[in-house]
Amino acid sequence: RTREPGGCPISEEIRRIILSKDNMEMSPVCEALLYAASRAQHVSEVIRPGVEKGRVVFSDRFVDSSVAYQGGGRQLGVKLVQQINAPAVDGMLPDATVYLDIDHQQAIRRRFSASEPDRLELAGDAFHQRVEAAYQELLAQGDQRFIRVDASRDIDSIAKDVLTKVLARLEPEWKQEA
């Protein structure tokens, strides 16, 4: 299990810079490049070695988040964000991506009630609306790696749905116990 941004010491340092409220003036391009830098180290140090050892790697966020947040939210465009991230990802695309489908306003309310908001969470409603729209656009493209989960429900229902759908993807013959 790992996370982005972060997942290894260098990437965690970059995460601190990206999410710090001390850096509210960070330009969208700088933000996108920092995410890609964090991802490059994470792929090199954690993801690729894990996959090469035959492990299943679960990451909280990956390149699709950059496409949605920087491509959509920051309005840099999908193509530019994909180009920035190509060397960072280095061919290590996920076999499956779980998308927690929830209205951006409900998601932000949940986040604000759970912890102190970070720089991105404070970006405003228009930003989060663009992020949600970008995710919906990714899903509409019909990429079979996406697993959509209704995240407007309670946490136990969401967790059960994620587990069931991910296990079914990992082991297609797996059947949920009745």
C-alpha atoms as a PDB file:
ATOM      1  CA  ARG A   1       0.000   0.000   0.000  1.00  0.00           C
ATOM      2  CA  THR A   2       1.217   3.444  -0.853  1.00  0.00           C
ATOM      3  CA  ARG A   3      -0.038   6.945  -1.617  1.00  0.00           C
ATOM      4  CA  GLU A   4       0.439   9.928  -3.865  1.00  0.00           C
ATOM      5  CA  PRO A   5       1.779  12.412  -3.583  1.00  0.00           C
ATOM      6  CA  GLY A   6       4.212  10.707  -1.277  1.00  0.00           C
ATOM      7  CA  GLY A   7       4.883   7.044  -0.716  1.00  0.00           C
ATOM      8  CA  CYS A   8       8.644   7.366  -0.160  1.00  0.00           C
ATOM      9  CA  PRO A   9      10.842   9.942   1.630  1.00  0.00           C
ATOM     10  CA  ILE A  10      11.620  12.268  -1.306  1.00  0.00           C
ATOM     11  CA  SER A  11       8.029  12.171  -2.542  1.00  0.00           C
ATOM     12  CA  GLU A  12       6.747  12.917   0.981  1.00  0.00           C
ATOM     13  CA  GLU A  13       8.900  16.064   1.035  1.00  0.00           C
ATOM     14  CA  ILE A  14       7.428  17.130  -2.297  1.00  0.00           C
ATOM     15  CA  ARG A  15       3.934  16.369  -0.913  1.00  0.00           C
ATOM     16  CA  ARG A  16       4.566  18.745   1.981  1.00  0.00           C
ATOM     17  CA  ILE A  17       5.435  21.548  -0.464  1.00  0.00           C
ATOM     18  CA  ILE A  18       2.461  20.855  -2.754  1.00  0.00           C
ATOM     19  CA  LEU A  19      -0.181  20.754  -0.024  1.00  0.00           C
ATOM     20  CA  SER A  20       1.156  23.472   2.271  1.00  0.00           C
ATOM     21  CA  LYS A  21      -1.074  26.490   2.727  1.00  0.00           C
ATOM     22  CA  ASP A  22       2.171  28.508   2.808  1.00  0.00           C
ATOM     23  CA  ASN A  23       2.326  27.993  -0.970  1.00  0.00           C
ATOM     24  CA  MET A  24      -1.069  29.348  -2.040  1.00  0.00           C
ATOM     25  CA  GLU A  25       0.566  31.303  -4.916  1.00  0.00           C
ATOM     26  CA  MET A  26       1.989  28.163  -6.533  1.00  0.00           C
ATOM     27  CA  SER A  27       1.426  28.299 -10.282  1.00  0.00           C
ATOM     28  CA  PRO A  28      -0.564  25.513 -11.960  1.00  0.00           C
ATOM     29  CA  VAL A  29       2.451  24.441 -14.038  1.00  0.00           C
ATOM     30  CA  CYS A  30       4.705  24.308 -10.962  1.00  0.00           C
ATOM     31  CA  GLU A  31       2.061  22.217  -9.192  1.00  0.00           C
ATOM     32  CA  ALA A  32       1.791  19.785 -12.127  1.00  0.00           C
ATOM     33  CA  LEU A  33       5.583  19.442 -12.359  1.00  0.00           C
ATOM     34  CA  LEU A  34       5.911  18.822  -8.613  1.00  0.00           C
ATOM     35  CA  TYR A  35       3.260  16.094  -8.752  1.00  0.00           C
ATOM     36  CA  ALA A  36       5.111  14.512 -11.676  1.00  0.00           C
ATOM     37  CA  ALA A  37       8.437  14.744  -9.802  1.00  0.00           C
ATOM     38  CA  SER A  38       6.908  13.093  -6.755  1.00  0.00           C
ATOM     39  CA  ARG A  39       5.391  10.412  -8.985  1.00  0.00           C
ATOM     40  CA  ALA A  40       8.685   9.739 -10.787  1.00  0.00           C
ATOM     41  CA  GLN A  41      10.448   9.017  -7.503  1.00  0.00           C
ATOM     42  CA  HIS A  42       7.499   6.979  -6.235  1.00  0.00           C
ATOM     43  CA  VAL A  43       7.446   4.826  -9.388  1.00  0.00           C
ATOM     44  CA  SER A  44      11.221   4.353  -9.259  1.00  0.00           C
ATOM     45  CA  GLU A  45      11.468   3.587  -5.561  1.00  0.00           C
ATOM     46  CA  VAL A  46       8.178   1.848  -4.694  1.00  0.00           C
ATOM     47  CA  ILE A  47       5.845   0.920  -7.555  1.00  0.00           C
ATOM     48  CA  ARG A  48       8.191  -0.575 -10.164  1.00  0.00           C
ATOM     49  CA  PRO A  49      10.203  -2.625  -7.608  1.00  0.00           C
ATOM     50  CA  GLY A  50       6.950  -3.941  -6.108  1.00  0.00           C
ATOM     51  CA  VAL A  51       5.531  -4.961  -9.471  1.00  0.00           C
ATOM     52  CA  GLU A  52       8.845  -6.523 -10.509  1.00  0.00           C
ATOM     53  CA  LYS A  53       8.711  -8.661  -7.345  1.00  0.00           C
ATOM     54  CA  GLY A  54       5.232  -9.856  -8.341  1.00  0.00           C
ATOM     55  CA  ARG A  55       3.390  -7.831  -5.718  1.00  0.00           C
ATOM     56  CA  VAL A  56      -0.004  -6.207  -6.109  1.00  0.00           C
ATOM     57  CA  VAL A  57       0.488  -2.476  -5.499  1.00  0.00           C
ATOM     58  CA  PHE A  58      -2.403  -0.410  -4.157  1.00  0.00           C
ATOM     59  CA  SER A  59      -1.880   3.334  -4.379  1.00  0.00           C
ATOM     60  CA  ASP A  60      -4.109   6.057  -2.991  1.00  0.00           C
ATOM     61  CA  ARG A  61      -4.150   8.205  -6.148  1.00  0.00           C
ATOM     62  CA  PHE A  62      -1.994   8.092  -9.259  1.00  0.00           C
ATOM     63  CA  VAL A  63      -1.762   9.794 -12.653  1.00  0.00           C
ATOM     64  CA  ASP A  64      -5.536  10.063 -13.229  1.00  0.00           C
ATOM     65  CA  SER A  65      -5.666  12.400 -10.248  1.00  0.00           C
ATOM     66  CA  SER A  66      -3.189  14.728 -11.950  1.00  0.00           C
ATOM     67  CA  VAL A  67      -5.197  14.596 -15.167  1.00  0.00           C
ATOM     68  CA  ALA A  68      -8.325  15.611 -13.219  1.00  0.00           C
ATOM     69  CA  TYR A  69      -6.800  18.099 -10.766  1.00  0.00           C
ATOM     70  CA  GLN A  70      -4.195  19.825 -12.886  1.00  0.00           C
ATOM     71  CA  GLY A  71      -5.620  19.090 -16.339  1.00  0.00           C
ATOM     72  CA  GLY A  72      -9.223  19.877 -15.400  1.00  0.00           C
ATOM     73  CA  GLY A  73      -9.139  21.781 -12.127  1.00  0.00           C
ATOM     74  CA  ARG A  74      -6.143  23.971 -12.986  1.00  0.00           C
ATOM     75  CA  GLN A  75      -7.190  24.059 -16.658  1.00  0.00           C
ATOM     76  CA  LEU A  76      -3.818  22.951 -18.019  1.00  0.00           C
ATOM     77  CA  GLY A  77      -5.500  20.430 -20.299  1.00  0.00           C
ATOM     78  CA  VAL A  78      -5.437  16.660 -20.329  1.00  0.00           C
ATOM     79  CA  LYS A  79      -2.823  16.368 -23.079  1.00  0.00           C
ATOM     80  CA  LEU A  80      -0.259  18.617 -21.346  1.00  0.00           C
ATOM     81  CA  VAL A  81      -0.658  16.840 -18.006  1.00  0.00           C
ATOM     82  CA  GLN A  82      -0.290  13.468 -19.698  1.00  0.00           C
ATOM     83  CA  GLN A  83       2.871  14.691 -21.467  1.00  0.00           C
ATOM     84  CA  ILE A  84       4.323  16.014 -18.195  1.00  0.00           C
ATOM     85  CA  ASN A  85       3.622  12.687 -16.490  1.00  0.00           C
ATOM     86  CA  ALA A  86       4.760  10.319 -19.258  1.00  0.00           C
ATOM     87  CA  PRO A  87       8.381  10.119 -18.066  1.00  0.00           C
ATOM     88  CA  ALA A  88       7.248  10.029 -14.413  1.00  0.00           C
ATOM     89  CA  VAL A  89       4.903   7.082 -14.961  1.00  0.00           C
ATOM     90  CA  ASP A  90       7.478   5.360 -17.183  1.00  0.00           C
ATOM     91  CA  GLY A  91       4.932   2.865 -18.540  1.00  0.00           C
ATOM     92  CA  MET A  92       3.619   1.867 -15.111  1.00  0.00           C
ATOM     93  CA  LEU A  93      -0.104   2.402 -15.643  1.00  0.00           C
ATOM     94  CA  PRO A  94      -2.587   0.809 -13.255  1.00  0.00           C
ATOM     95  CA  ASP A  95      -4.529  -2.304 -14.182  1.00  0.00           C
ATOM     96  CA  ALA A  96      -7.502  -0.912 -12.257  1.00  0.00           C
ATOM     97  CA  THR A  97      -8.471   2.491 -10.926  1.00  0.00           C
ATOM     98  CA  VAL A  98     -11.191   2.800  -8.276  1.00  0.00           C
ATOM     99  CA  TYR A  99     -13.159   6.004  -8.714  1.00  0.00           C
ATOM    100  CA  LEU A 100     -15.125   7.049  -5.654  1.00  0.00           C
ATOM    101  CA  ASP A 101     -18.066   8.730  -7.358  1.00  0.00           C
ATOM    102  CA  ILE A 102     -19.397  11.565  -5.219  1.00  0.00           C
ATOM    103  CA  ASP A 103     -20.593  15.099  -5.781  1.00  0.00           C
ATOM    104  CA  HIS A 104     -17.667  17.490  -5.269  1.00  0.00           C
ATOM    105  CA  GLN A 105     -19.576  19.577  -2.723  1.00  0.00           C
ATOM    106  CA  GLN A 106     -20.429  16.547  -0.589  1.00  0.00           C
ATOM    107  CA  ALA A 107     -16.813  15.347  -0.844  1.00  0.00           C
ATOM    108  CA  ILE A 108     -15.443  18.698   0.336  1.00  0.00           C
ATOM    109  CA  ARG A 109     -17.932  18.855   3.235  1.00  0.00           C
ATOM    110  CA  ARG A 110     -16.782  15.393   4.346  1.00  0.00           C
ATOM    111  CA  ARG A 111     -13.123  16.347   4.021  1.00  0.00           C
ATOM    112  CA  PHE A 112     -13.511  19.594   5.965  1.00  0.00           C
ATOM    113  CA  SER A 113     -15.312  17.772   8.788  1.00  0.00           C
ATOM    114  CA  ALA A 114     -12.560  15.125   8.973  1.00  0.00           C
ATOM    115  CA  SER A 115      -9.399  17.242   9.043  1.00  0.00           C
ATOM    116  CA  GLU A 116      -7.784  20.600   8.465  1.00  0.00           C
ATOM    117  CA  PRO A 117      -8.085  21.424   4.734  1.00  0.00           C
ATOM    118  CA  ASP A 118      -4.918  21.602   2.635  1.00  0.00           C
ATOM    119  CA  ARG A 119      -4.034  24.005  -0.184  1.00  0.00           C
ATOM    120  CA  LEU A 120      -5.912  22.038  -2.847  1.00  0.00           C
ATOM    121  CA  GLU A 121      -9.000  21.537  -0.717  1.00  0.00           C
ATOM    122  CA  LEU A 122      -9.172  25.316  -0.270  1.00  0.00           C
ATOM    123  CA  ALA A 123      -9.088  25.948  -4.045  1.00  0.00           C
ATOM    124  CA  GLY A 124     -12.793  26.815  -4.229  1.00  0.00           C
ATOM    125  CA  ASP A 125     -15.982  25.418  -5.680  1.00  0.00           C
ATOM    126  CA  ALA A 126     -15.259  26.227  -9.344  1.00  0.00           C
ATOM    127  CA  PHE A 127     -11.940  24.338  -9.134  1.00  0.00           C
ATOM    128  CA  HIS A 128     -13.575  21.283  -7.540  1.00  0.00           C
ATOM    129  CA  GLN A 129     -16.403  21.388 -10.066  1.00  0.00           C
ATOM    130  CA  ARG A 130     -13.829  21.255 -12.897  1.00  0.00           C
ATOM    131  CA  VAL A 131     -12.019  18.367 -11.176  1.00  0.00           C
ATOM    132  CA  GLU A 132     -15.272  16.403 -10.880  1.00  0.00           C
ATOM    133  CA  ALA A 133     -16.091  17.123 -14.540  1.00  0.00           C
ATOM    134  CA  ALA A 134     -12.628  15.937 -15.602  1.00  0.00           C
ATOM    135  CA  TYR A 135     -13.069  12.668 -13.708  1.00  0.00           C
ATOM    136  CA  GLN A 136     -16.480  12.181 -15.297  1.00  0.00           C
ATOM    137  CA  GLU A 137     -14.906  12.778 -18.706  1.00  0.00           C
ATOM    138  CA  LEU A 138     -12.254  10.120 -17.991  1.00  0.00           C
ATOM    139  CA  LEU A 139     -14.983   7.665 -17.008  1.00  0.00           C
ATOM    140  CA  ALA A 140     -17.059   8.488 -20.089  1.00  0.00           C
ATOM    141  CA  GLN A 141     -14.168   7.429 -22.333  1.00  0.00           C
ATOM    142  CA  GLY A 142     -15.029   3.840 -21.447  1.00  0.00           C
ATOM    143  CA  ASP A 143     -11.595   2.782 -20.208  1.00  0.00           C
ATOM    144  CA  GLN A 144     -12.226  -0.659 -18.710  1.00  0.00           C
ATOM    145  CA  ARG A 145      -9.676  -0.179 -15.946  1.00  0.00           C
ATOM    146  CA  PHE A 146     -12.022   2.197 -14.082  1.00  0.00           C
ATOM    147  CA  ILE A 147     -14.100   0.728 -11.261  1.00  0.00           C
ATOM    148  CA  ARG A 148     -16.850   3.163 -10.277  1.00  0.00           C
ATOM    149  CA  VAL A 149     -18.088   3.073  -6.676  1.00  0.00           C
ATOM    150  CA  ASP A 150     -20.970   5.170  -5.344  1.00  0.00           C
ATOM    151  CA  ALA A 151     -19.263   7.108  -2.549  1.00  0.00           C
ATOM    152  CA  SER A 152     -22.325   9.070  -1.438  1.00  0.00           C
ATOM    153  CA  ARG A 153     -23.182   6.214   0.950  1.00  0.00           C
ATOM    154  CA  ASP A 154     -21.855   5.347   4.410  1.00  0.00           C
ATOM    155  CA  ILE A 155     -18.231   4.266   4.774  1.00  0.00           C
ATOM    156  CA  ASP A 156     -19.034   0.592   5.445  1.00  0.00           C
ATOM    157  CA  SER A 157     -21.099   0.294   2.244  1.00  0.00           C
ATOM    158  CA  ILE A 158     -18.389   2.034   0.250  1.00  0.00           C
ATOM    159  CA  ALA A 159     -15.635  -0.184   1.692  1.00  0.00           C
ATOM    160  CA  LYS A 160     -17.620  -3.373   1.011  1.00  0.00           C
ATOM    161  CA  ASP A 161     -18.320  -2.285  -2.569  1.00  0.00           C
ATOM    162  CA  VAL A 162     -14.650  -1.401  -3.187  1.00  0.00           C
ATOM    163  CA  LEU A 163     -13.457  -4.713  -1.743  1.00  0.00           C
ATOM    164  CA  THR A 164     -15.958  -6.745  -3.755  1.00  0.00           C
ATOM    165  CA  LYS A 165     -15.192  -4.981  -7.039  1.00  0.00           C
ATOM    166  CA  VAL A 166     -11.413  -4.993  -6.592  1.00  0.00           C
ATOM    167  CA  LEU A 167     -11.351  -8.686  -5.630  1.00  0.00           C
ATOM    168  CA  ALA A 168     -13.525  -9.491  -8.649  1.00  0.00           C
ATOM    169  CA  ARG A 169     -11.015  -7.643 -10.859  1.00  0.00           C
ATOM    170  CA  LEU A 170      -8.035  -9.405  -9.269  1.00  0.00           C
ATOM    171  CA  GLU A 171      -9.688 -12.820  -9.328  1.00  0.00           C
ATOM    172  CA  PRO A 172     -12.491 -12.842 -11.916  1.00  0.00           C
ATOM    173  CA  GLU A 173     -13.742 -16.191 -10.653  1.00  0.00           C
ATOM    174  CA  TRP A 174     -14.008 -14.855  -7.080  1.00  0.00           C
ATOM    175  CA  LYS A 175     -17.589 -14.884  -5.836  1.00  0.00           C
ATOM    176  CA  GLN A 176     -18.840 -12.891  -2.889  1.00  0.00           C
ATOM    177  CA  GLU A 177     -20.009 -15.139  -0.067  1.00  0.00           C
ATOM    178  CA  ALA A 178     -23.774 -15.054   0.373  1.00  0.00           C
END
